[in-house]
C-alpha atoms as a PDB file:
ATOM      1  CA  MET A   1      -0.211   0.026  -0.109  1.00  0.00           C
ATOM      2  CA  THR A   2       1.115   3.229  -0.870  1.00  0.00           C
ATOM      3  CA  ASP A   3       2.485   5.711   1.847  1.00  0.00           C
ATOM      4  CA  TYR A   4       0.551   9.257   1.709  1.00  0.00           C
ATOM      5  CA  PRO A   5       2.884  12.017   2.864  1.00  0.00           C
ATOM      6  CA  SER A   6       1.771  13.573   5.984  1.00  0.00           C
ATOM      7  CA  TYR A   7      -0.856  16.381   6.421  1.00  0.00           C
ATOM      8  CA  PRO A   8       0.926  19.295   8.324  1.00  0.00           C
ATOM      9  CA  TYR A   9      -0.424  21.851   6.233  1.00  0.00           C
ATOM     10  CA  SER A  10      -4.098  23.346   6.156  1.00  0.00           C
ATOM     11  CA  PHE A  11      -4.933  24.006   2.526  1.00  0.00           C
ATOM     12  CA  ASN A  12      -6.125  27.825   3.097  1.00  0.00           C
ATOM     13  CA  SER A  13      -4.894  30.876   1.983  1.00  0.00           C
ATOM     14  CA  ASP A  14      -1.610  31.002   4.126  1.00  0.00           C
ATOM     15  CA  TYR A  15      -1.172  27.858   2.078  1.00  0.00           C
ATOM     16  CA  ILE A  16      -1.674  29.131  -1.179  1.00  0.00           C
ATOM     17  CA  GLY A  17       0.251  32.526  -0.528  1.00  0.00           C
ATOM     18  CA  LYS A  18       3.303  30.187  -0.029  1.00  0.00           C
ATOM     19  CA  LEU A  19       2.937  28.442  -3.248  1.00  0.00           C
ATOM     20  CA  ALA A  20       2.525  31.520  -5.311  1.00  0.00           C
ATOM     21  CA  ALA A  21       5.791  32.915  -3.681  1.00  0.00           C
ATOM     22  CA  GLY A  22       7.630  30.083  -4.502  1.00  0.00           C
ATOM     23  CA  ASP A  23       8.326  28.685  -0.493  1.00  0.00           C
ATOM     24  CA  ARG A  24      10.371  25.138  -1.155  1.00  0.00           C
ATOM     25  CA  GLU A  25       9.017  23.094   1.355  1.00  0.00           C
ATOM     26  CA  VAL A  26       5.092  24.101   0.563  1.00  0.00           C
ATOM     27  CA  GLU A  27       6.023  23.003  -3.079  1.00  0.00           C
ATOM     28  CA  GLU A  28       7.844  20.041  -1.585  1.00  0.00           C
ATOM     29  CA  HIS A  29       4.162  19.091   0.428  1.00  0.00           C
ATOM     30  CA  PHE A  30       2.163  19.949  -2.681  1.00  0.00           C
ATOM     31  CA  SER A  31       4.117  18.241  -5.138  1.00  0.00           C
ATOM     32  CA  GLN A  32       3.965  14.632  -2.776  1.00  0.00           C
ATOM     33  CA  TYR A  33       0.253  14.912  -1.688  1.00  0.00           C
ATOM     34  CA  PHE A  34      -0.932  15.641  -4.491  1.00  0.00           C
ATOM     35  CA  GLY A  35       1.426  14.005  -6.931  1.00  0.00           C
ATOM     36  CA  SER A  36       0.042  10.524  -4.868  1.00  0.00           C
ATOM     37  CA  LEU A  37      -3.539  11.378  -5.408  1.00  0.00           C
ATOM     38  CA  ILE A  38      -2.992  12.048  -8.882  1.00  0.00           C
ATOM     39  CA  ASP A  39      -1.527   8.834  -9.142  1.00  0.00           C
ATOM     40  CA  LEU A  40      -3.999   7.219  -7.374  1.00  0.00           C
ATOM     41  CA  ARG A  41      -6.698   8.625  -9.872  1.00  0.00           C
ATOM     42  CA  LEU A  42      -4.675   7.826 -13.022  1.00  0.00           C
ATOM     43  CA  ARG A  43      -4.124   3.902 -11.750  1.00  0.00           C
ATOM     44  CA  ALA A  44      -7.863   3.571 -12.420  1.00  0.00           C
ATOM     45  CA  ASN A  45      -7.350   4.164 -16.093  1.00  0.00           C
ATOM     46  CA  PRO A  46      -5.883   1.255 -17.777  1.00  0.00           C
ATOM     47  CA  LEU A  47      -5.337   3.199 -20.655  1.00  0.00           C
ATOM     48  CA  ILE A  48      -2.847   5.963 -19.920  1.00  0.00           C
ATOM     49  CA  GLY A  49      -0.162   3.156 -19.149  1.00  0.00           C
ATOM     50  CA  VAL A  50       3.756   5.020 -19.238  1.00  0.00           C
ATOM     51  CA  ALA A  51       2.035   8.643 -20.065  1.00  0.00           C
ATOM     52  CA  ALA A  52       0.835   8.243 -16.236  1.00  0.00           C
ATOM     53  CA  GLN A  53       4.115  10.188 -15.344  1.00  0.00           C
ATOM     54  CA  ASP A  54       3.855  13.158 -17.692  1.00  0.00           C
ATOM     55  CA  ILE A  55       0.225  13.793 -16.630  1.00  0.00           C
ATOM     56  CA  ARG A  56       0.984  14.184 -13.258  1.00  0.00           C
ATOM     57  CA  GLN A  57       3.663  16.230 -13.889  1.00  0.00           C
ATOM     58  CA  GLU A  58       1.568  18.745 -16.579  1.00  0.00           C
ATOM     59  CA  THR A  59      -1.165  18.648 -13.531  1.00  0.00           C
ATOM     60  CA  LEU A  60       0.907  19.801 -11.138  1.00  0.00           C
ATOM     61  CA  LEU A  61       2.589  22.721 -13.138  1.00  0.00           C
ATOM     62  CA  ARG A  62      -0.426  23.950 -14.769  1.00  0.00           C
ATOM     63  CA  VAL A  63      -1.879  24.057 -10.715  1.00  0.00           C
ATOM     64  CA  LEU A  64       1.235  26.230  -9.897  1.00  0.00           C
ATOM     65  CA  ARG A  65       0.622  28.248 -12.913  1.00  0.00           C
ATOM     66  CA  ALA A  66      -2.924  28.991 -12.531  1.00  0.00           C
ATOM     67  CA  ILE A  67      -2.235  29.631  -8.212  1.00  0.00           C
ATOM     68  CA  ARG A  68       0.893  32.370  -9.214  1.00  0.00           C
ATOM     69  CA  LYS A  69      -1.219  33.972 -11.897  1.00  0.00           C
ATOM     70  CA  GLY A  70      -3.576  34.265  -8.869  1.00  0.00           C
ATOM     71  CA  ASP A  71      -6.969  32.414 -10.542  1.00  0.00           C
ATOM     72  CA  LEU A  72      -7.658  30.241  -7.851  1.00  0.00           C
ATOM     73  CA  ARG A  73     -10.663  31.932  -6.404  1.00  0.00           C
ATOM     74  CA  LYS A  74     -11.227  29.993  -2.787  1.00  0.00           C
ATOM     75  CA  ALA A  75      -8.022  27.987  -0.840  1.00  0.00           C
ATOM     76  CA  GLU A  76     -10.483  25.945   0.140  1.00  0.00           C
ATOM     77  CA  SER A  77     -11.259  24.483  -3.545  1.00  0.00           C
ATOM     78  CA  LEU A  78      -7.720  23.387  -3.920  1.00  0.00           C
ATOM     79  CA  GLY A  79      -8.420  19.702  -4.321  1.00  0.00           C
ATOM     80  CA  ALA A  80     -11.116  20.057  -6.415  1.00  0.00           C
ATOM     81  CA  TYR A  81      -9.369  22.511  -8.350  1.00  0.00           C
ATOM     82  CA  VAL A  82      -6.254  20.010  -8.823  1.00  0.00           C
ATOM     83  CA  VAL A  83      -8.741  16.911  -9.984  1.00  0.00           C
ATOM     84  CA  ALA A  84     -10.667  18.977 -12.727  1.00  0.00           C
ATOM     85  CA  VAL A  85      -7.505  20.067 -14.111  1.00  0.00           C
ATOM     86  CA  CYS A  86      -6.009  16.601 -14.007  1.00  0.00           C
ATOM     87  CA  ARG A  87      -9.218  14.947 -15.597  1.00  0.00           C
ATOM     88  CA  PHE A  88      -8.724  18.289 -18.493  1.00  0.00           C
ATOM     89  CA  THR A  89      -5.670  16.798 -18.597  1.00  0.00           C
ATOM     90  CA  LEU A  90      -6.433  13.676 -19.431  1.00  0.00           C
ATOM     91  CA  TRP A  91      -9.003  13.896 -21.639  1.00  0.00           C
ATOM     92  CA  GLU A  92      -6.323  16.733 -23.788  1.00  0.00           C
ATOM     93  CA  HIS A  93      -3.875  13.363 -23.416  1.00  0.00           C
ATOM     94  CA  SER A  94      -6.663  10.682 -24.480  1.00  0.00           C
ATOM     95  CA  ARG A  95      -7.785  13.211 -27.424  1.00  0.00           C
ATOM     96  CA  ALA A  96      -4.338  13.862 -28.689  1.00  0.00           C
ATOM     97  CA  ASN A  97      -4.043  10.169 -28.704  1.00  0.00           C
ATOM     98  CA  ARG A  98      -6.749   9.242 -30.361  1.00  0.00           C
ATOM     99  CA  ARG A  99      -6.210  12.339 -33.429  1.00  0.00           C
ATOM    100  CA  TYR A 100      -2.930  10.282 -33.663  1.00  0.00           C
ATOM    101  CA  GLN A 101      -4.270   7.044 -34.042  1.00  0.00           C
ATOM    102  CA  ALA A 102      -6.891   8.079 -36.258  1.00  0.00           C
ATOM    103  CA  GLU A 103      -3.763  10.054 -38.542  1.00  0.00           C
ATOM    104  CA  GLU A 104      -2.009   6.819 -38.470  1.00  0.00           C
ATOM    105  CA  GLU A 105      -5.116   5.035 -39.755  1.00  0.00           C
ATOM    106  CA  THR A 106      -5.384   6.866 -42.629  1.00  0.00           C
ATOM    107  CA  PHE A 107      -2.600   5.287 -44.679  1.00  0.00           C
ATOM    108  CA  GLU A 108      -3.749   2.989 -46.947  1.00  0.00           C
ATOM    109  CA  ARG A 109      -0.945  -0.132 -46.961  1.00  0.00           C
ATOM    110  CA  ALA A 110      -0.147  -1.984 -49.766  1.00  0.00           C
ATOM    111  CA  ASP A 111      -2.559  -5.156 -49.627  1.00  0.00           C
ATOM    112  CA  PRO A 112       0.157  -8.338 -50.347  1.00  0.00           C
ATOM    113  CA  SER A 113      -2.722 -10.293 -51.349  1.00  0.00           C
ATOM    114  CA  SER A 114      -3.665  -7.892 -54.283  1.00  0.00           C
ATOM    115  CA  GLY A 115      -1.515  -9.168 -57.061  1.00  0.00           C
ATOM    116  CA  PRO A 116      -2.508 -10.930 -60.070  1.00  0.00           C
ATOM    117  CA  HIS A 117      -1.510 -14.504 -58.931  1.00  0.00           C
ATOM    118  CA  GLU A 118      -3.702 -13.778 -55.697  1.00  0.00           C
ATOM    119  CA  ARG A 119      -6.638 -12.054 -57.807  1.00  0.00           C
ATOM    120  CA  THR A 120      -6.640 -15.224 -59.714  1.00  0.00           C
ATOM    121  CA  VAL A 121      -7.125 -17.652 -57.089  1.00  0.00           C
ATOM    122  CA  ALA A 122      -9.695 -15.253 -55.230  1.00  0.00           C
ATOM    123  CA  LYS A 123     -11.456 -15.620 -58.784  1.00  0.00           C
ATOM    124  CA  GLU A 124     -11.314 -19.278 -59.052  1.00  0.00           C
ATOM    125  CA  ARG A 125     -12.110 -19.638 -55.280  1.00  0.00           C
ATOM    126  CA  ALA A 126     -15.221 -17.753 -55.652  1.00  0.00           C
ATOM    127  CA  SER A 127     -16.297 -19.914 -58.838  1.00  0.00           C
ATOM    128  CA  LEU A 128     -15.805 -23.109 -56.573  1.00  0.00           C
ATOM    129  CA  ILE A 129     -17.516 -21.526 -53.591  1.00  0.00           C
ATOM    130  CA  ALA A 130     -20.370 -20.125 -56.121  1.00  0.00           C
ATOM    131  CA  ARG A 131     -20.253 -24.249 -57.723  1.00  0.00           C
ATOM    132  CA  VAL A 132     -20.722 -25.949 -53.818  1.00  0.00           C
ATOM    133  CA  LEU A 133     -23.592 -22.969 -53.024  1.00  0.00           C
ATOM    134  CA  GLN A 134     -25.373 -24.448 -56.351  1.00  0.00           C
ATOM    135  CA  ARG A 135     -25.644 -27.940 -55.208  1.00  0.00           C
ATOM    136  CA  LEU A 136     -27.189 -27.319 -51.751  1.00  0.00           C
ATOM    137  CA  ALA A 137     -31.063 -26.852 -51.433  1.00  0.00           C
ATOM    138  CA  PRO A 138     -32.264 -23.297 -51.907  1.00  0.00           C
ATOM    139  CA  ARG A 139     -32.610 -23.043 -48.243  1.00  0.00           C
ATOM    140  CA  ASP A 140     -29.265 -23.535 -46.987  1.00  0.00           C
ATOM    141  CA  ARG A 141     -28.279 -21.529 -49.981  1.00  0.00           C
ATOM    142  CA  GLU A 142     -30.558 -18.874 -49.622  1.00  0.00           C
ATOM    143  CA  LEU A 143     -29.265 -18.700 -45.841  1.00  0.00           C
ATOM    144  CA  LEU A 144     -25.599 -18.877 -46.438  1.00  0.00           C
ATOM    145  CA  GLN A 145     -25.943 -16.317 -48.854  1.00  0.00           C
ATOM    146  CA  MET A 146     -27.895 -14.110 -46.551  1.00  0.00           C
ATOM    147  CA  CYS A 147     -25.139 -14.502 -43.617  1.00  0.00           C
ATOM    148  CA  PHE A 148     -22.010 -14.212 -45.988  1.00  0.00           C
ATOM    149  CA  TYR A 149     -22.449 -11.960 -49.375  1.00  0.00           C
ATOM    150  CA  GLU A 150     -25.382  -9.809 -47.561  1.00  0.00           C
ATOM    151  CA  ASP A 151     -24.244  -9.575 -44.146  1.00  0.00           C
ATOM    152  CA  ALA A 152     -27.815  -9.683 -43.054  1.00  0.00           C
ATOM    153  CA  ASP A 153     -28.427  -9.715 -39.438  1.00  0.00           C
ATOM    154  CA  SER A 154     -30.156 -12.373 -37.536  1.00  0.00           C
ATOM    155  CA  SER A 155     -33.108 -10.307 -36.987  1.00  0.00           C
ATOM    156  CA  GLN A 156     -33.539  -9.928 -40.417  1.00  0.00           C
ATOM    157  CA  MET A 157     -32.771 -14.079 -41.349  1.00  0.00           C
ATOM    158  CA  CYS A 158     -35.053 -14.839 -38.871  1.00  0.00           C
ATOM    159  CA  ALA A 159     -38.005 -13.038 -40.793  1.00  0.00           C
ATOM    160  CA  ARG A 160     -36.762 -13.948 -44.030  1.00  0.00           C
ATOM    161  CA  MET A 161     -36.933 -17.865 -43.155  1.00  0.00           C
ATOM    162  CA  ARG A 162     -39.582 -17.150 -40.746  1.00  0.00           C
ATOM    163  CA  VAL A 163     -37.803 -18.687 -38.007  1.00  0.00           C
ATOM    164  CA  THR A 164     -36.892 -17.791 -34.016  1.00  0.00           C
ATOM    165  CA  PRO A 165     -33.271 -17.531 -33.450  1.00  0.00           C
ATOM    166  CA  GLY A 166     -32.696 -20.391 -31.400  1.00  0.00           C
ATOM    167  CA  CYS A 167     -33.813 -22.325 -35.060  1.00  0.00           C
ATOM    168  CA  LEU A 168     -31.959 -20.097 -37.101  1.00  0.00           C
ATOM    169  CA  GLY A 169     -28.660 -21.437 -35.132  1.00  0.00           C
ATOM    170  CA  VAL A 170     -29.615 -24.710 -35.857  1.00  0.00           C
ATOM    171  CA  LEU A 171     -29.859 -23.893 -39.735  1.00  0.00           C
ATOM    172  CA  LEU A 172     -26.771 -22.095 -40.023  1.00  0.00           C
ATOM    173  CA  PHE A 173     -24.502 -25.051 -38.207  1.00  0.00           C
ATOM    174  CA  ARG A 174     -26.599 -27.571 -40.480  1.00  0.00           C
ATOM    175  CA  ALA A 175     -26.436 -25.263 -43.558  1.00  0.00           C
ATOM    176  CA  ARG A 176     -22.594 -25.071 -43.162  1.00  0.00           C
ATOM    177  CA  LYS A 177     -22.200 -28.734 -42.594  1.00  0.00           C
ATOM    178  CA  ARG A 178     -23.738 -29.620 -45.821  1.00  0.00           C
ATOM    179  CA  PHE A 179     -21.857 -26.886 -47.596  1.00  0.00           C
ATOM    180  CA  ARG A 180     -18.567 -28.473 -46.326  1.00  0.00           C
ATOM    181  CA  MET A 181     -19.465 -32.150 -47.363  1.00  0.00           C
ATOM    182  CA  HIS A 182     -20.531 -30.954 -50.726  1.00  0.00           C
ATOM    183  CA  ALA A 183     -16.919 -28.852 -50.933  1.00  0.00           C
ATOM    184  CA  ALA A 184     -15.181 -31.913 -49.369  1.00  0.00           C
ATOM    185  CA  LYS A 185     -16.109 -33.888 -52.835  1.00  0.00           C
ATOM    186  CA  SER A 186     -15.783 -31.242 -55.349  1.00  0.00           C
ATOM    187  CA  CYS A 187     -12.715 -29.211 -54.000  1.00  0.00           C
ATOM    188  CA  PRO A 188     -11.366 -30.249 -50.410  1.00  0.00           C
ATOM    189  CA  GLU A 189      -9.433 -26.939 -50.335  1.00  0.00           C
ATOM    190  CA  LEU A 190     -13.418 -25.387 -49.602  1.00  0.00           C
ATOM    191  CA  ALA A 191     -14.360 -28.115 -47.041  1.00  0.00           C
ATOM    192  CA  THR A 192     -12.888 -25.794 -44.285  1.00  0.00           C
ATOM    193  CA  ALA A 193     -14.108 -22.726 -45.228  1.00  0.00           C
END
């Protein structure tokens, strides 16, 4: 368990005045006391990781700057002010990370499977799948086409097939099983599809 710094100071106007004046002892207490509380708050967020120390330092620095500028109106609200600044700093950090990740995702990587050979193989595979689907009963064919080609959700599939959700799972299982069985006869590489 973490040892929290002692509490020899009361957070009053005298304490705020000493912080604004740059009293080293009070600054050290402020850093330790509120730093521990910020760490506790940041530990609750698993997405922060190694940036916790940066967020802690940035929060403490912003609060000290605000105190020195005279932005803190009530000395008694110092704790709430630190928490609010921490929350805002955390929000800025997560927003910056999302923006960075979004920019990273905009780059289109070359698809290694987009060469002429891969396209030919994909066309042959699609042709084999279509042939196996034609051998299935109309109900199985329609069900598999809805599932894999139309991306229909289960409620749409239940409505079109006129079955309950429990029955739909059984029908899909059986249709896939029959597809694999027909595929194994004509083209074994599709049997695992």
